[in-house]
């Protein structure tokens, strides 16, 4: 076993949830060998073509990672590991939310755009209605609309992506979203929380509601607070200085100040530490993937390793 490879115990936790061959399209190459190759690339940021030979053909490793990023396999594996931790009472549901900028390498640019509407179909005709014998295109994840569609944008750091996430009280990511680097944090607040979905071991609905939440001033606005109140989530978010000034200027018409628990807010560093642990993986600290959904799969695989080894 090489450095960073799955241990026997970690492999046994993942093995029951991995895809199984249907017998019609050939057999999968050994899942454990391929996953070790994917994790090696996530940890080191090496180019796919430069993977060591012990992981098998690099093309197989890359295609497996791309496929599992597209069909949600990485997210399902992460949710299953989270479900085991929740059943054992090992998840601290006092969560925090934040985001981090990820500098994009020049190799992350240049993804092919989606074909325009009405372009030539595989059946040989062009237009809106394909032939009866035309081969249907497989469903593709969102993206392809240029750099913005792939989660690439311009910010103060240059060509960047932004990784929005929530983390539990033990510094482990619960949900992840990728956007262009200039996207404001508060715009992804609701999607990040709604992506939290921890299944139950046995009957019952997945858990998606934390006990409490802490966030910084970037999320201090009316829509975010109203969303949390509607869901009944206790929260600690400091008030912005300009909002406080405007409220005081209105006098009694300005309403009461939002509640703020200083001791609870001290636990917000857990999400900062979760970001730090995610960026130990060099393919997360610097984005090399052209497709947005593949980079999200890379970050999810890094989060999966954190959960397996915590």
Protein backbone atom coordinates (compact mmCIF):
# COMPACT_ATOMS: atom_id res chain seq x y z
CA UNK A 1 0.00 0.00 0.00
CA UNK A 2 1.41 3.36 -1.03
CA UNK A 3 1.31 6.63 0.86
CA UNK A 4 -2.23 8.03 0.80
CA UNK A 5 -3.87 4.80 -0.45
CA UNK A 6 -6.99 3.40 1.14
CA UNK A 7 -6.44 1.16 4.14
CA UNK A 8 -8.28 -2.16 4.40
CA UNK A 9 -10.73 -0.66 6.92
CA UNK A 10 -11.43 2.37 4.70
CA UNK A 11 -11.92 0.15 1.65
CA UNK A 12 -14.45 -2.03 3.49
CA UNK A 13 -16.47 1.07 4.37
CA UNK A 14 -16.69 2.11 0.71
CA UNK A 15 -16.93 -1.25 -1.04
CA UNK A 16 -20.67 -1.95 -0.42
CA UNK A 17 -21.71 1.34 -2.05
CA UNK A 18 -19.61 1.20 -5.23
CA UNK A 19 -21.18 0.58 -8.67
CA UNK A 20 -21.46 -3.03 -9.78
CA UNK A 21 -21.06 -4.22 -13.37
CA UNK A 22 -24.30 -5.13 -15.14
CA UNK A 23 -22.52 -7.85 -17.15
CA UNK A 24 -23.34 -6.29 -20.53
CA UNK A 25 -20.65 -3.62 -20.89
CA UNK A 26 -17.64 -5.49 -19.63
CA UNK A 27 -16.19 -5.58 -16.14
CA UNK A 28 -15.01 -2.61 -14.10
CA UNK A 29 -11.30 -2.41 -13.53
CA UNK A 30 -10.51 -3.05 -9.85
CA UNK A 31 -12.28 -0.24 -7.98
CA UNK A 32 -9.71 -0.09 -5.20
CA UNK A 33 -6.79 0.36 -7.60
CA UNK A 34 -8.60 3.08 -9.53
CA UNK A 35 -9.74 4.94 -6.38
CA UNK A 36 -6.17 4.89 -5.08
CA UNK A 37 -5.09 6.46 -8.39
CA UNK A 38 -7.78 9.15 -8.13
CA UNK A 39 -6.82 9.96 -4.54
CA UNK A 40 -3.15 10.12 -5.54
CA UNK A 41 -3.96 12.73 -8.16
CA UNK A 42 -6.25 14.67 -5.77
CA UNK A 43 -3.53 14.72 -3.11
CA UNK A 44 -0.59 15.61 -5.35
CA UNK A 45 -2.19 17.54 -8.24
CA UNK A 46 -0.12 15.54 -10.75
CA UNK A 47 -1.25 15.47 -14.38
CA UNK A 48 -3.38 12.45 -15.22
CA UNK A 49 -0.88 11.24 -17.80
CA UNK A 50 1.86 11.18 -15.15
CA UNK A 51 0.10 8.81 -12.74
CA UNK A 52 2.38 5.96 -11.57
CA UNK A 53 1.92 2.70 -13.44
CA UNK A 54 0.77 0.84 -10.32
CA UNK A 55 -2.63 2.53 -10.67
CA UNK A 56 -3.21 1.10 -14.15
CA UNK A 57 -3.93 3.05 -17.36
CA UNK A 58 -4.24 6.77 -16.62
CA UNK A 59 -7.13 7.06 -19.07
CA UNK A 60 -9.15 4.53 -17.06
CA UNK A 61 -8.50 6.41 -13.81
CA UNK A 62 -9.46 9.74 -15.35
CA UNK A 63 -12.62 8.44 -17.01
CA UNK A 64 -13.75 6.79 -13.77
CA UNK A 65 -13.29 10.05 -11.89
CA UNK A 66 -15.10 12.03 -14.60
CA UNK A 67 -17.99 9.54 -14.69
CA UNK A 68 -18.41 9.43 -10.90
CA UNK A 69 -18.27 13.23 -10.76
CA UNK A 70 -21.03 13.45 -13.38
CA UNK A 71 -23.43 10.83 -12.01
CA UNK A 72 -23.07 11.81 -8.33
CA UNK A 73 -21.22 8.70 -7.13
CA UNK A 74 -18.72 10.75 -5.12
CA UNK A 75 -21.55 12.61 -3.39
CA UNK A 76 -23.38 9.36 -2.59
CA UNK A 77 -20.22 7.86 -1.09
CA UNK A 78 -19.75 10.98 1.03
CA UNK A 79 -23.35 10.83 2.23
CA UNK A 80 -23.04 7.16 3.19
CA UNK A 81 -19.94 7.84 5.28
CA UNK A 82 -21.73 10.79 6.89
CA UNK A 83 -24.73 8.53 7.62
CA UNK A 84 -22.50 6.07 9.49
CA UNK A 85 -21.02 8.90 11.55
CA UNK A 86 -24.48 10.32 12.31
CA UNK A 87 -25.78 6.91 13.41
CA UNK A 88 -22.85 6.65 15.82
CA UNK A 89 -23.53 10.16 17.16
CA UNK A 90 -20.21 11.48 15.84
CA UNK A 91 -21.51 14.54 13.96
CA UNK A 92 -21.52 17.86 15.76
CA UNK A 93 -24.57 19.60 14.26
CA UNK A 94 -23.46 23.08 15.35
CA UNK A 95 -22.34 23.90 11.83
CA UNK A 96 -20.62 26.86 10.16
CA UNK A 97 -20.79 28.21 6.61
CA UNK A 98 -18.11 30.02 4.59
CA UNK A 99 -16.36 30.06 1.22
CA UNK A 100 -12.83 30.10 -0.12
CA UNK A 101 -11.16 31.28 -3.32
CA UNK A 102 -9.37 28.66 -5.41
CA UNK A 103 -6.86 29.92 -7.94
CA UNK A 104 -7.38 28.32 -11.35
CA UNK A 105 -4.38 27.04 -13.28
CA UNK A 106 -4.14 27.97 -16.94
CA UNK A 107 -4.89 24.31 -17.78
CA UNK A 108 -8.37 24.79 -16.26
CA UNK A 109 -9.37 27.07 -19.14
CA UNK A 110 -10.48 26.06 -22.59
CA UNK A 111 -13.32 23.60 -21.93
CA UNK A 112 -15.37 22.90 -25.03
CA UNK A 113 -18.68 24.72 -25.26
CA UNK A 114 -21.96 22.87 -25.63
CA UNK A 115 -23.21 22.50 -29.24
CA UNK A 116 -25.69 25.27 -30.18
CA UNK A 117 -29.42 24.48 -30.40
CA UNK A 118 -30.48 23.01 -33.73
CA UNK A 119 -27.00 21.73 -34.58
CA UNK A 120 -26.46 18.50 -36.54
CA UNK A 121 -27.64 15.39 -34.70
CA UNK A 122 -26.06 11.98 -34.69
CA UNK A 123 -28.83 10.66 -36.95
CA UNK A 124 -27.59 12.84 -39.79
CA UNK A 125 -30.32 15.46 -39.90
CA UNK A 126 -30.26 19.01 -38.61
CA UNK A 127 -33.19 20.73 -36.99
CA UNK A 128 -35.38 20.29 -33.97
CA UNK A 129 -36.80 16.82 -34.67
CA UNK A 130 -34.27 13.97 -34.79
CA UNK A 131 -34.68 10.87 -36.90
CA UNK A 132 -36.33 7.83 -35.38
CA UNK A 133 -33.02 5.95 -35.42
CA UNK A 134 -30.95 8.86 -34.07
CA UNK A 135 -28.84 8.02 -31.04
CA UNK A 136 -29.81 10.04 -27.98
CA UNK A 137 -27.08 12.11 -26.36
CA UNK A 138 -26.31 11.13 -22.75
CA UNK A 139 -27.44 13.54 -20.07
CA UNK A 140 -24.65 15.96 -19.15
CA UNK A 141 -24.13 17.92 -15.93
CA UNK A 142 -24.57 21.71 -16.04
CA UNK A 143 -21.77 23.62 -17.72
CA UNK A 144 -20.33 24.29 -21.12
CA UNK A 145 -21.49 27.87 -21.36
CA UNK A 146 -17.99 29.31 -21.37
CA UNK A 147 -15.86 30.04 -18.32
CA UNK A 148 -18.82 31.18 -16.21
CA UNK A 149 -20.73 27.98 -16.91
CA UNK A 150 -17.77 25.95 -15.66
CA UNK A 151 -17.40 27.84 -12.39
CA UNK A 152 -14.50 30.02 -13.57
CA UNK A 153 -14.49 33.77 -13.14
CA UNK A 154 -12.48 36.87 -12.36
CA UNK A 155 -11.87 38.15 -8.86
CA UNK A 156 -9.16 40.05 -7.04
CA UNK A 157 -6.98 36.92 -7.21
CA UNK A 158 -7.30 36.68 -11.00
CA UNK A 159 -8.73 33.63 -12.78
CA UNK A 160 -10.47 31.83 -9.91
CA UNK A 161 -13.26 29.59 -8.68
CA UNK A 162 -15.01 29.83 -5.34
CA UNK A 163 -15.78 26.84 -3.13
CA UNK A 164 -18.79 27.36 -0.86
CA UNK A 165 -19.18 24.87 1.97
CA UNK A 166 -20.74 24.02 5.30
CA UNK A 167 -18.80 22.14 7.99
CA UNK A 168 -19.77 20.36 11.18
CA UNK A 169 -18.24 21.11 14.58
CA UNK A 170 -15.42 18.61 13.95
CA UNK A 171 -14.07 20.45 10.89
CA UNK A 172 -15.53 18.10 8.27
CA UNK A 173 -17.33 19.34 5.13
CA UNK A 174 -21.05 18.57 4.98
CA UNK A 175 -21.87 20.13 1.58
CA UNK A 176 -19.92 21.74 -1.27
CA UNK A 177 -20.80 24.05 -4.18
CA UNK A 178 -18.53 25.51 -6.90
CA UNK A 179 -19.16 28.94 -8.47
CA UNK A 180 -17.09 31.55 -10.34
CA UNK A 181 -14.66 33.40 -8.11
CA UNK A 182 -16.50 36.73 -8.14
CA UNK A 183 -19.81 35.26 -6.91
CA UNK A 184 -20.97 36.74 -3.58
CA UNK A 185 -21.08 34.39 -0.59
CA UNK A 186 -24.66 35.23 0.41
CA UNK A 187 -26.06 34.18 -2.98
CA UNK A 188 -25.07 30.56 -2.29
CA UNK A 189 -26.15 30.48 1.36
CA UNK A 190 -29.48 28.76 0.71
CA UNK A 191 -28.11 26.21 -1.86
CA UNK A 192 -25.28 25.20 0.51
CA UNK A 193 -27.70 24.54 3.39
CA UNK A 194 -30.21 22.74 1.19
CA UNK A 195 -27.49 20.45 -0.11
CA UNK A 196 -26.91 19.05 3.40
CA UNK A 197 -28.49 15.61 3.24
CA UNK A 198 -27.34 12.91 5.67
CA UNK A 199 -29.27 9.63 5.18
CA UNK A 200 -30.49 7.53 8.10
CA UNK A 201 -29.22 4.03 8.74
CA UNK A 202 -32.62 2.35 8.54
CA UNK A 203 -36.03 4.00 8.12
CA UNK A 204 -36.47 7.73 8.30
CA UNK A 205 -35.90 10.81 6.21
CA UNK A 206 -32.38 12.15 5.68
CA UNK A 207 -31.35 14.81 8.17
CA UNK A 208 -30.93 18.24 6.61
CA UNK A 209 -31.43 20.63 9.54
CA UNK A 210 -28.55 21.62 11.87
CA UNK A 211 -28.93 22.44 15.56
CA UNK A 212 -27.36 25.86 15.10
CA UNK A 213 -25.38 27.84 12.54
CA UNK A 214 -22.61 30.42 12.62
CA UNK A 215 -21.50 32.60 9.71
CA UNK A 216 -19.53 35.81 9.18
CA UNK A 217 -20.77 39.25 8.09
CA UNK A 218 -20.91 38.25 4.42
CA UNK A 219 -24.19 36.46 5.24
CA UNK A 220 -25.64 39.29 7.32
CA UNK A 221 -28.67 40.34 5.29
CA UNK A 222 -32.42 40.10 5.47
CA UNK A 223 -33.00 37.15 3.07
CA UNK A 224 -30.44 34.92 4.85
CA UNK A 225 -31.86 35.67 8.31
CA UNK A 226 -35.44 35.26 7.09
CA UNK A 227 -34.57 31.87 5.55
CA UNK A 228 -33.05 30.67 8.84
CA UNK A 229 -36.02 31.89 10.86
CA UNK A 230 -38.44 30.16 8.49
CA UNK A 231 -36.62 26.86 8.97
CA UNK A 232 -36.31 27.36 12.72
CA UNK A 233 -32.48 27.26 12.74
CA UNK A 234 -30.78 29.09 15.59
CA UNK A 235 -28.02 31.24 14.15
CA UNK A 236 -25.22 33.60 15.12
CA UNK A 237 -24.30 36.14 12.43
CA UNK A 238 -22.71 39.50 13.35
CA UNK A 239 -24.46 42.61 12.13
CA UNK A 240 -22.74 44.75 9.52
CA UNK A 241 -21.62 48.20 10.64
CA UNK A 242 -23.61 50.05 7.98
CA UNK A 243 -26.73 48.02 8.80
CA UNK A 244 -26.33 48.83 12.47
CA UNK A 245 -25.89 52.54 11.70
CA UNK A 246 -28.99 52.58 9.50
CA UNK A 247 -31.02 50.78 12.15
CA UNK A 248 -29.98 53.21 14.89
CA UNK A 249 -30.69 56.18 12.64
CA UNK A 250 -34.30 55.07 12.28
CA UNK A 251 -34.78 54.98 16.04
CA UNK A 252 -37.73 52.89 17.21
CA UNK A 253 -38.70 52.23 13.59
CA UNK A 254 -35.41 50.44 13.02
CA UNK A 255 -36.48 47.43 15.07
CA UNK A 256 -34.51 45.36 17.53
CA UNK A 257 -30.92 44.31 16.86
CA UNK A 258 -30.44 40.68 15.78
CA UNK A 259 -29.35 38.29 18.50
CA UNK A 260 -25.66 37.49 18.70
CA UNK A 261 -24.02 34.80 20.85
CA UNK A 262 -20.35 35.69 21.17
CA UNK A 263 -19.38 32.32 22.67
CA UNK A 264 -21.12 30.41 19.89
CA UNK A 265 -19.47 32.60 17.27
CA UNK A 266 -16.06 31.49 18.51
CA UNK A 267 -16.80 28.04 17.06
CA UNK A 268 -16.99 29.49 13.55
CA UNK A 269 -13.29 28.70 13.14
CA UNK A 270 -14.31 25.10 12.46
CA UNK A 271 -15.23 25.93 8.87
CA UNK A 272 -11.91 27.75 8.40
CA UNK A 273 -10.09 24.65 9.63
CA UNK A 274 -12.19 22.47 7.32
CA UNK A 275 -11.12 24.65 4.38
CA UNK A 276 -7.51 24.29 5.49
CA UNK A 277 -7.84 20.50 5.56
CA UNK A 278 -9.49 20.46 2.12
CA UNK A 279 -6.64 22.49 0.67
CA UNK A 280 -4.09 19.95 1.87
CA UNK A 281 -5.15 18.29 -1.38
CA UNK A 282 -3.22 20.15 -4.05
CA UNK A 283 -5.82 19.51 -6.74
CA UNK A 284 -8.28 21.41 -4.52
CA UNK A 285 -5.93 24.23 -3.48
CA UNK A 286 -5.29 24.90 -7.19
CA UNK A 287 -7.91 24.04 -9.78
CA UNK A 288 -6.64 22.04 -12.76
CA UNK A 289 -9.98 20.57 -13.94
CA UNK A 290 -11.59 22.19 -16.96
CA UNK A 291 -15.14 21.13 -16.13
CA UNK A 292 -16.89 22.55 -13.10
CA UNK A 293 -18.56 19.27 -12.18
CA UNK A 294 -15.21 17.44 -12.32
CA UNK A 295 -13.63 19.97 -9.96
CA UNK A 296 -16.61 19.54 -7.62
CA UNK A 297 -15.98 15.78 -7.76
CA UNK A 298 -12.32 16.42 -6.90
CA UNK A 299 -13.29 18.49 -3.86
CA UNK A 300 -15.88 15.89 -2.83
CA UNK A 301 -13.28 13.10 -3.04
CA UNK A 302 -10.98 15.16 -0.79
CA UNK A 303 -13.87 15.67 1.67
CA UNK A 304 -14.54 11.92 1.60
CA UNK A 305 -10.96 11.22 2.66
CA UNK A 306 -11.34 13.67 5.56
CA UNK A 307 -14.44 11.84 6.78
CA UNK A 308 -12.82 8.42 6.40
CA UNK A 309 -9.75 9.44 8.40
CA UNK A 310 -11.37 11.48 11.18
